[in-house]
């Protein structure tokens, strides 16, 4: 694999790749001008410098064929940029996480039918295992010798673990002020954890510079980003399959870069085109923290441009001040009749506690954001409580203990006697 380039060759085939290296993917397509370029380590259009994404020539896929597949994301391999023998390559096998009917939370929020797609049960306890699995496949096929990423935490955990499983050199870069549990969760898998003084946008800029200078480095969210991003589609596929091959009416999704939200929408559209689900209207909502809510700000102002911000929030996994897919999030929210909303850090903490005490799910700050935004959307009349709704929990609360430790604790500290217990009134 050569050093990353910002301009891709003006072809739709890339020499040197093995037959079927990217499955049914046919090329990379510019999201802005539609220009087609080669399948390779490219992410920017040579015509307009717009972002590239994967295009496919899908075969006829049946529900039965998918259901007969493994209970992980590879059951959808025909719809992903991975080879048909992907299961034979060592990987963390993420996906097919539980979809829980949240009756208690639904009653609390006044929503008729509510589900939680709980991705905290993935191998490194976040949805990032999905995207990393697809990025790792691309890195292998492109001949990478180093697997790397800039990260706000969850991605670093997933990349470090996947690299260890695959036996490839792995280097992960994080902001130096990242939550300690997330640092430990990366350092346990790799000795090459690099803390950078700065926020995520600073770390991402450094990663882009390294990718442009170093040979053989596959940065999952830089030079193999188009493949990486496709992994988020599996969230949409699973939601539809677990609902009995139908789409929900409404989905609430946390927004960092915005890629996850855009790919869930792409998944729904692909399922409709393939005839795997019946076409129907659905609404997609984005959730951000006030301390890093550039997409929510643009949505409320009715503008298309995203003005970058300096993050200042406990939701560090959402702390991307210049989100790459922000403009596409705006488009999807408006096109589907959804919205992009934001909540304060205190509301995020309340959201974490609310989800835990109604459904027994301990979520990190991103999930607290999504829960709190869902509550706010109902209260402000933006989300229709009579419609079936899915919210996505992207990670486990053990990764962000510092954010909530001051909010919960013992109800009482007592002497070891029955009288002392009775005095508590519990």
Protein backbone atom coordinates (compact mmCIF):
# COMPACT_ATOMS: atom_id res chain seq x y z
CA UNK A 1 0.00 0.00 0.00
CA UNK A 2 1.45 3.34 -0.99
CA UNK A 3 1.25 6.55 0.98
CA UNK A 4 -2.20 8.11 1.10
CA UNK A 5 -3.13 10.50 -1.66
CA UNK A 6 -5.75 13.21 -1.63
CA UNK A 7 -6.50 12.76 -5.32
CA UNK A 8 -7.60 9.39 -6.66
CA UNK A 9 -6.80 8.14 -10.17
CA UNK A 10 -9.51 8.72 -12.76
CA UNK A 11 -10.33 5.04 -13.26
CA UNK A 12 -12.85 2.64 -11.82
CA UNK A 13 -10.42 -0.24 -11.35
CA UNK A 14 -7.24 -0.35 -9.33
CA UNK A 15 -4.42 -2.67 -10.46
CA UNK A 16 -2.82 -5.10 -8.04
CA UNK A 17 -5.94 -6.09 -6.10
CA UNK A 18 -6.97 -9.73 -5.87
CA UNK A 19 -10.20 -10.77 -7.54
CA UNK A 20 -13.17 -9.95 -5.32
CA UNK A 21 -11.05 -8.03 -2.81
CA UNK A 22 -13.98 -5.71 -2.08
CA UNK A 23 -16.86 -8.07 -2.79
CA UNK A 24 -19.65 -6.46 -4.77
CA UNK A 25 -18.16 -2.97 -4.52
CA UNK A 26 -17.38 -1.59 -7.98
CA UNK A 27 -15.80 1.83 -7.44
CA UNK A 28 -15.58 4.91 -5.29
CA UNK A 29 -18.03 7.69 -6.08
CA UNK A 30 -17.86 11.36 -5.14
CA UNK A 31 -20.77 12.36 -2.93
CA UNK A 32 -20.72 15.85 -4.41
CA UNK A 33 -20.21 15.48 -8.18
CA UNK A 34 -20.66 11.72 -8.74
CA UNK A 35 -17.23 11.26 -10.32
CA UNK A 36 -16.09 7.60 -10.24
CA UNK A 37 -12.59 6.65 -9.12
CA UNK A 38 -10.68 3.49 -8.33
CA UNK A 39 -11.17 1.17 -5.40
CA UNK A 40 -8.04 1.94 -3.44
CA UNK A 41 -6.69 3.96 -0.48
CA UNK A 42 -8.45 7.14 -1.59
CA UNK A 43 -10.97 9.39 0.08
CA UNK A 44 -11.13 12.67 -1.88
CA UNK A 45 -12.46 13.28 -5.39
CA UNK A 46 -9.86 14.37 -7.99
CA UNK A 47 -12.45 16.66 -9.63
CA UNK A 48 -13.90 18.59 -6.70
CA UNK A 49 -12.16 17.20 -3.58
CA UNK A 50 -15.53 15.98 -2.27
CA UNK A 51 -15.70 12.87 -0.06
CA UNK A 52 -15.76 9.45 -1.70
CA UNK A 53 -18.07 6.57 -0.84
CA UNK A 54 -18.49 3.00 -2.03
CA UNK A 55 -20.75 2.09 -4.94
CA UNK A 56 -21.94 -1.46 -5.62
CA UNK A 57 -23.39 -3.85 -8.12
CA UNK A 58 -25.53 -5.79 -5.69
CA UNK A 59 -26.67 -9.32 -6.50
CA UNK A 60 -30.16 -10.51 -5.68
CA UNK A 61 -30.09 -11.15 -1.93
CA UNK A 62 -32.92 -12.81 -0.04
CA UNK A 63 -33.93 -12.54 3.59
CA UNK A 64 -33.37 -16.27 3.96
CA UNK A 65 -29.78 -16.03 2.72
CA UNK A 66 -29.03 -13.29 5.21
CA UNK A 67 -30.71 -15.11 8.09
CA UNK A 68 -28.63 -18.23 7.34
CA UNK A 69 -25.41 -16.25 7.79
CA UNK A 70 -23.32 -15.86 10.95
CA UNK A 71 -24.71 -13.91 13.89
CA UNK A 72 -22.44 -10.95 13.26
CA UNK A 73 -22.06 -8.26 10.58
CA UNK A 74 -20.76 -10.75 8.02
CA UNK A 75 -24.31 -12.01 7.50
CA UNK A 76 -24.54 -8.84 5.36
CA UNK A 77 -21.21 -9.35 3.57
CA UNK A 78 -22.88 -9.21 0.13
CA UNK A 79 -23.80 -5.59 0.95
CA UNK A 80 -20.38 -4.57 2.27
CA UNK A 81 -16.97 -3.84 0.63
CA UNK A 82 -15.44 -7.10 1.88
CA UNK A 83 -14.41 -10.35 0.15
CA UNK A 84 -16.68 -13.39 0.14
CA UNK A 85 -14.19 -15.25 2.36
CA UNK A 86 -14.14 -12.52 5.01
CA UNK A 87 -15.03 -14.99 7.79
CA UNK A 88 -11.70 -16.79 7.33
CA UNK A 89 -9.66 -13.71 8.28
CA UNK A 90 -9.10 -13.14 12.02
CA UNK A 91 -11.42 -10.35 13.19
CA UNK A 92 -13.48 -9.48 16.24
CA UNK A 93 -16.77 -10.58 14.61
CA UNK A 94 -18.90 -7.69 15.85
CA UNK A 95 -22.58 -7.03 15.37
CA UNK A 96 -26.02 -8.56 15.66
CA UNK A 97 -26.37 -6.88 19.03
CA UNK A 98 -29.64 -6.89 20.91
CA UNK A 99 -32.65 -4.74 20.04
CA UNK A 100 -34.53 -4.27 23.31
CA UNK A 101 -38.13 -3.18 23.64
CA UNK A 102 -37.84 -0.36 26.17
CA UNK A 103 -41.28 -0.42 27.80
CA UNK A 104 -40.22 1.33 31.01
CA UNK A 105 -38.39 4.14 29.23
CA UNK A 106 -41.27 4.44 26.77
CA UNK A 107 -43.71 4.94 29.65
CA UNK A 108 -41.39 7.50 31.24
CA UNK A 109 -41.09 9.51 28.01
CA UNK A 110 -44.66 9.00 26.82
CA UNK A 111 -43.70 7.10 23.65
CA UNK A 112 -46.06 4.39 22.46
CA UNK A 113 -43.42 1.96 21.15
CA UNK A 114 -39.72 2.38 21.88
CA UNK A 115 -36.67 0.21 21.18
CA UNK A 116 -33.02 0.52 22.18
CA UNK A 117 -30.43 -0.81 19.74
CA UNK A 118 -27.73 -1.65 22.29
CA UNK A 119 -24.27 -1.72 20.73
CA UNK A 120 -22.54 -1.72 24.11
CA UNK A 121 -22.33 -5.51 23.84
CA UNK A 122 -19.89 -5.47 20.91
CA UNK A 123 -16.37 -6.93 21.51
CA UNK A 124 -14.88 -3.65 22.80
CA UNK A 125 -18.25 -2.38 24.01
CA UNK A 126 -19.07 0.14 21.29
CA UNK A 127 -20.40 0.33 17.74
CA UNK A 128 -16.89 1.16 16.50
CA UNK A 129 -16.13 -2.55 16.26
CA UNK A 130 -18.43 -2.63 13.22
CA UNK A 131 -16.65 0.04 11.22
CA UNK A 132 -13.21 -1.15 12.25
CA UNK A 133 -13.94 -4.68 11.00
CA UNK A 134 -14.64 -3.29 7.53
CA UNK A 135 -11.60 -1.00 7.66
CA UNK A 136 -9.38 -3.90 8.70
CA UNK A 137 -10.55 -5.93 5.72
CA UNK A 138 -9.68 -3.03 3.39
CA UNK A 139 -6.29 -2.56 5.05
CA UNK A 140 -5.46 -6.23 4.49
CA UNK A 141 -6.53 -6.15 0.84
CA UNK A 142 -4.51 -2.98 0.21
CA UNK A 143 -1.38 -4.48 1.74
CA UNK A 144 -1.12 -2.21 4.78
CA UNK A 145 1.61 -2.90 7.30
CA UNK A 146 0.32 -0.56 10.02
CA UNK A 147 -3.27 -0.20 11.22
CA UNK A 148 -3.98 3.19 12.81
CA UNK A 149 -6.51 5.85 13.76
CA UNK A 150 -7.10 9.21 15.40
CA UNK A 151 -9.84 8.74 17.98
CA UNK A 152 -11.99 10.18 20.75
CA UNK A 153 -11.73 6.83 22.53
CA UNK A 154 -14.07 4.11 21.31
CA UNK A 155 -12.42 3.89 17.91
CA UNK A 156 -8.99 3.59 19.51
CA UNK A 157 -10.27 0.69 21.62
CA UNK A 158 -11.72 -1.07 18.58
CA UNK A 159 -8.68 -0.52 16.34
CA UNK A 160 -6.26 -1.68 19.03
CA UNK A 161 -8.25 -4.86 19.69
CA UNK A 162 -8.82 -5.65 16.01
CA UNK A 163 -5.16 -5.10 15.25
CA UNK A 164 -4.14 -7.45 18.05
CA UNK A 165 -6.53 -10.12 16.78
CA UNK A 166 -5.25 -9.72 13.21
CA UNK A 167 -1.60 -9.69 14.20
CA UNK A 168 -0.86 -6.37 12.50
CA UNK A 169 1.14 -3.47 13.94
CA UNK A 170 -1.33 -1.00 15.40
CA UNK A 171 -0.86 2.65 16.41
CA UNK A 172 -3.70 4.73 17.89
CA UNK A 173 -3.74 8.48 18.55
CA UNK A 174 -5.98 10.11 21.17
CA UNK A 175 -6.42 13.53 22.84
CA UNK A 176 -4.34 13.54 26.02
CA UNK A 177 -7.37 14.54 28.15
CA UNK A 178 -9.40 11.47 27.12
CA UNK A 179 -11.27 9.58 29.83
CA UNK A 180 -8.87 7.26 31.67
CA UNK A 181 -10.95 4.09 31.16
CA UNK A 182 -10.82 4.58 27.39
CA UNK A 183 -7.07 5.06 27.52
CA UNK A 184 -6.66 1.83 29.48
CA UNK A 185 -9.01 0.02 27.09
CA UNK A 186 -6.69 0.91 24.23
CA UNK A 187 -3.35 0.46 25.99
CA UNK A 188 -4.28 -3.07 27.07
CA UNK A 189 -4.40 -4.13 23.40
CA UNK A 190 -1.45 -2.16 22.02
CA UNK A 191 1.77 -0.66 23.34
CA UNK A 192 1.51 2.00 20.65
CA UNK A 193 -0.98 4.39 22.23
CA UNK A 194 -0.02 8.00 21.49
CA UNK A 195 -1.61 10.83 23.51
CA UNK A 196 -1.60 14.19 21.74
CA UNK A 197 -1.92 17.56 23.49
CA UNK A 198 -5.00 18.98 21.76
CA UNK A 199 -8.60 18.10 20.90
CA UNK A 200 -9.80 15.51 18.41
CA UNK A 201 -9.54 17.86 15.45
CA UNK A 202 -5.86 18.41 16.29
CA UNK A 203 -5.33 14.66 16.52
CA UNK A 204 -7.11 14.09 13.22
CA UNK A 205 -4.98 16.72 11.49
CA UNK A 206 -1.82 15.01 12.74
CA UNK A 207 -3.09 11.63 11.51
CA UNK A 208 -3.74 13.06 8.05
CA UNK A 209 -0.19 14.42 7.93
CA UNK A 210 1.28 11.06 8.95
CA UNK A 211 -0.87 9.24 6.40
CA UNK A 212 0.53 11.49 3.70
CA UNK A 213 4.14 10.82 4.66
CA UNK A 214 4.34 7.22 5.88
CA UNK A 215 4.24 4.22 3.54
CA UNK A 216 1.90 1.35 4.34
CA UNK A 217 -0.21 3.04 7.01
CA UNK A 218 -3.96 2.43 6.89
CA UNK A 219 -5.72 5.09 8.98
CA UNK A 220 -9.22 3.69 9.34
CA UNK A 221 -10.97 7.07 9.29
CA UNK A 222 -8.60 8.80 6.86
CA UNK A 223 -7.25 6.93 3.83
CA UNK A 224 -9.56 3.90 4.17
CA UNK A 225 -12.51 5.96 5.45
CA UNK A 226 -14.92 5.00 2.61
CA UNK A 227 -14.64 1.30 3.60
CA UNK A 228 -14.67 2.02 7.31
CA UNK A 229 -17.84 4.10 7.08
CA UNK A 230 -19.78 1.29 5.40
CA UNK A 231 -19.65 -0.73 8.61
CA UNK A 232 -22.23 1.61 10.16
CA UNK A 233 -24.77 0.41 7.60
CA UNK A 234 -25.01 -2.84 9.54
CA UNK A 235 -26.79 -1.00 12.35
CA UNK A 236 -29.58 -0.13 9.92
CA UNK A 237 -29.67 -3.63 8.47
CA UNK A 238 -29.94 -5.21 11.91
CA UNK A 239 -32.64 -2.85 13.14
CA UNK A 240 -34.79 -3.71 10.11
CA UNK A 241 -34.15 -7.45 10.36
CA UNK A 242 -34.77 -7.55 14.12
CA UNK A 243 -38.05 -5.68 13.65
CA UNK A 244 -39.19 -8.49 11.33
CA UNK A 245 -37.84 -6.97 8.09
CA UNK A 246 -39.50 -3.60 8.40
CA UNK A 247 -38.30 -0.06 8.99
CA UNK A 248 -39.08 1.90 12.16
CA UNK A 249 -40.98 5.17 11.97
CA UNK A 250 -38.31 7.20 13.79
CA UNK A 251 -34.64 6.75 14.75
CA UNK A 252 -32.54 8.90 17.11
CA UNK A 253 -28.78 8.67 16.51
CA UNK A 254 -25.84 10.42 18.21
CA UNK A 255 -23.78 12.67 15.95
CA UNK A 256 -19.99 13.03 16.15
CA UNK A 257 -18.61 13.06 12.60
CA UNK A 258 -22.15 12.29 11.41
CA UNK A 259 -21.09 9.20 9.46
CA UNK A 260 -23.17 6.76 11.50
CA UNK A 261 -26.39 8.66 10.89
CA UNK A 262 -25.78 8.97 7.15
CA UNK A 263 -24.99 5.28 6.82
CA UNK A 264 -28.09 4.14 8.70
CA UNK A 265 -30.09 6.14 6.16
CA UNK A 266 -28.08 4.54 3.34
CA UNK A 267 -28.80 1.09 4.78
CA UNK A 268 -32.55 1.76 4.87
CA UNK A 269 -32.48 2.96 1.26
CA UNK A 270 -30.51 -0.09 0.13
CA UNK A 271 -32.92 -2.47 1.86
CA UNK A 272 -35.82 -0.78 0.08
CA UNK A 273 -34.11 -0.96 -3.33
CA UNK A 274 -33.27 -4.63 -2.83
CA UNK A 275 -36.87 -5.43 -1.91
CA UNK A 276 -35.87 -6.70 1.53
CA UNK A 277 -38.21 -4.25 3.29
CA UNK A 278 -41.31 -2.41 2.23
CA UNK A 279 -40.80 1.25 1.36
CA UNK A 280 -42.26 3.65 3.92
CA UNK A 281 -41.57 7.13 5.29
CA UNK A 282 -39.18 7.28 8.25
CA UNK A 283 -37.71 10.16 10.24
CA UNK A 284 -34.09 10.43 11.37
CA UNK A 285 -33.02 12.61 14.29
CA UNK A 286 -29.48 13.58 15.30
CA UNK A 287 -28.33 14.06 18.90
CA UNK A 288 -25.49 16.35 19.99
CA UNK A 289 -24.12 17.95 23.15
CA UNK A 290 -24.41 21.72 23.56
CA UNK A 291 -20.68 21.83 24.21
CA UNK A 292 -20.07 20.47 20.72
CA UNK A 293 -23.22 20.94 18.66
CA UNK A 294 -22.23 22.53 15.34
CA UNK A 295 -24.72 20.45 13.36
CA UNK A 296 -27.60 21.21 15.74
CA UNK A 297 -26.71 24.91 15.58
CA UNK A 298 -26.79 24.88 11.78
CA UNK A 299 -30.06 22.93 11.74
CA UNK A 300 -31.78 25.39 14.06
CA UNK A 301 -30.44 28.36 12.09
CA UNK A 302 -31.74 26.88 8.85
CA UNK A 303 -28.34 27.07 7.17
CA UNK A 304 -26.31 24.48 5.26
CA UNK A 305 -22.81 25.49 6.33
CA UNK A 306 -21.35 23.93 9.48
CA UNK A 307 -19.30 26.39 11.54
CA UNK A 308 -16.53 24.50 13.41
CA UNK A 309 -16.46 24.82 17.20
CA UNK A 310 -13.98 24.03 19.97
CA UNK A 311 -15.48 21.12 21.95
CA UNK A 312 -16.29 21.60 25.63
CA UNK A 313 -18.46 18.73 26.82
CA UNK A 314 -18.37 15.57 28.91
CA UNK A 315 -19.50 13.68 25.79
CA UNK A 316 -15.95 13.28 24.48
CA UNK A 317 -16.92 10.55 22.03
CA UNK A 318 -19.09 13.17 20.30
CA UNK A 319 -16.52 15.97 20.62
CA UNK A 320 -15.73 16.54 16.95
CA UNK A 321 -15.86 20.26 16.36
CA UNK A 322 -15.64 20.02 12.57
CA UNK A 323 -17.77 17.00 11.63
CA UNK A 324 -16.93 15.59 8.20
CA UNK A 325 -20.48 14.46 7.44
CA UNK A 326 -22.29 17.33 9.12
CA UNK A 327 -23.80 18.76 5.93
CA UNK A 328 -25.15 15.33 4.99
CA UNK A 329 -26.72 14.93 8.44
CA UNK A 330 -28.54 18.21 7.86
CA UNK A 331 -29.79 17.01 4.50
CA UNK A 332 -31.09 13.71 5.87
CA UNK A 333 -32.75 15.27 8.91
CA UNK A 334 -34.57 17.77 6.70
CA UNK A 335 -35.39 15.30 3.93
CA UNK A 336 -36.91 12.76 6.32
CA UNK A 337 -38.74 15.28 8.51
CA UNK A 338 -36.42 14.72 11.46
CA UNK A 339 -34.28 17.23 13.35
CA UNK A 340 -30.90 17.71 15.03
CA UNK A 341 -31.13 18.64 18.71
CA UNK A 342 -28.64 19.26 21.51
CA UNK A 343 -28.63 18.94 25.31
CA UNK A 344 -26.50 20.21 28.19
CA UNK A 345 -23.95 18.14 30.11
CA UNK A 346 -26.33 17.97 33.07
CA UNK A 347 -29.06 16.64 30.80
CA UNK A 348 -26.59 14.07 29.44
CA UNK A 349 -25.89 12.84 32.98
CA UNK A 350 -29.63 12.66 33.62
CA UNK A 351 -30.02 10.68 30.39
CA UNK A 352 -27.42 8.15 31.52
CA UNK A 353 -29.23 7.63 34.82
CA UNK A 354 -32.65 7.51 33.15
CA UNK A 355 -31.68 4.74 30.73
CA UNK A 356 -29.98 2.76 33.49
CA UNK A 357 -32.88 2.98 35.95
CA UNK A 358 -35.61 2.26 33.42
CA UNK A 359 -34.00 -0.39 31.21
CA UNK A 360 -30.91 -1.65 33.04
CA UNK A 361 -28.59 -0.33 30.32
CA UNK A 362 -25.49 1.52 31.49
CA UNK A 363 -24.59 3.82 28.63
CA UNK A 364 -21.66 6.13 28.11
CA UNK A 365 -22.08 9.87 27.54
CA UNK A 366 -23.03 9.45 23.86
CA UNK A 367 -25.96 7.24 24.84
CA UNK A 368 -26.87 9.67 27.59
CA UNK A 369 -26.96 12.36 24.92
CA UNK A 370 -29.24 10.28 22.72
CA UNK A 371 -31.61 9.46 25.59
CA UNK A 372 -31.73 13.08 26.76
CA UNK A 373 -32.28 14.37 23.22
CA UNK A 374 -35.12 11.87 22.73
CA UNK A 375 -36.77 13.22 25.89
CA UNK A 376 -36.31 16.79 24.66
CA UNK A 377 -37.65 15.97 21.20
CA UNK A 378 -40.85 14.62 22.76
CA UNK A 379 -41.21 17.61 25.09
CA UNK A 380 -40.73 20.10 22.24
CA UNK A 381 -43.09 18.27 19.88
CA UNK A 382 -40.41 17.46 17.31
CA UNK A 383 -40.72 13.68 17.73
CA UNK A 384 -44.14 12.04 17.38
CA UNK A 385 -44.66 9.88 20.50
CA UNK A 386 -47.36 7.84 18.76
CA UNK A 387 -44.86 6.42 16.25
CA UNK A 388 -42.53 3.45 16.70
CA UNK A 389 -39.10 4.80 17.64
CA UNK A 390 -35.59 3.33 17.89
CA UNK A 391 -32.73 4.98 19.77
CA UNK A 392 -29.14 3.81 19.35
CA UNK A 393 -26.88 3.23 22.32
CA UNK A 394 -23.36 3.30 20.94
CA UNK A 395 -21.21 2.39 23.96
CA UNK A 396 -20.91 1.14 27.55
CA UNK A 397 -20.96 3.39 30.59
CA UNK A 398 -17.90 1.78 32.17
CA UNK A 399 -15.88 3.79 29.63
CA UNK A 400 -17.05 7.16 30.99
CA UNK A 401 -17.32 6.60 34.75
CA UNK A 402 -15.92 10.02 35.60
CA UNK A 403 -18.88 11.75 33.99
CA UNK A 404 -21.40 10.15 36.33
CA UNK A 405 -19.47 9.17 39.48
CA UNK A 406 -20.49 12.33 41.32
CA UNK A 407 -24.16 11.80 40.47
CA UNK A 408 -24.69 8.34 41.97
CA UNK A 409 -23.48 6.48 45.05
CA UNK A 410 -24.65 4.83 48.27
CA UNK A 411 -28.11 5.79 49.45
CA UNK A 412 -26.81 5.50 53.01
CA UNK A 413 -23.77 4.40 54.99
CA UNK A 414 -24.87 2.47 58.09
CA UNK A 415 -23.62 0.38 60.96
CA UNK A 416 -23.94 -3.41 60.48
CA UNK A 417 -27.18 -3.67 62.48
CA UNK A 418 -30.85 -4.20 61.71
CA UNK A 419 -31.82 -1.04 63.62
CA UNK A 420 -29.47 1.01 61.49
CA UNK A 421 -31.03 -0.44 58.36
CA UNK A 422 -34.56 0.27 59.59
CA UNK A 423 -33.56 3.86 60.25
CA UNK A 424 -32.85 4.41 56.55
CA UNK A 425 -36.52 3.93 55.66
CA UNK A 426 -35.60 1.74 52.70
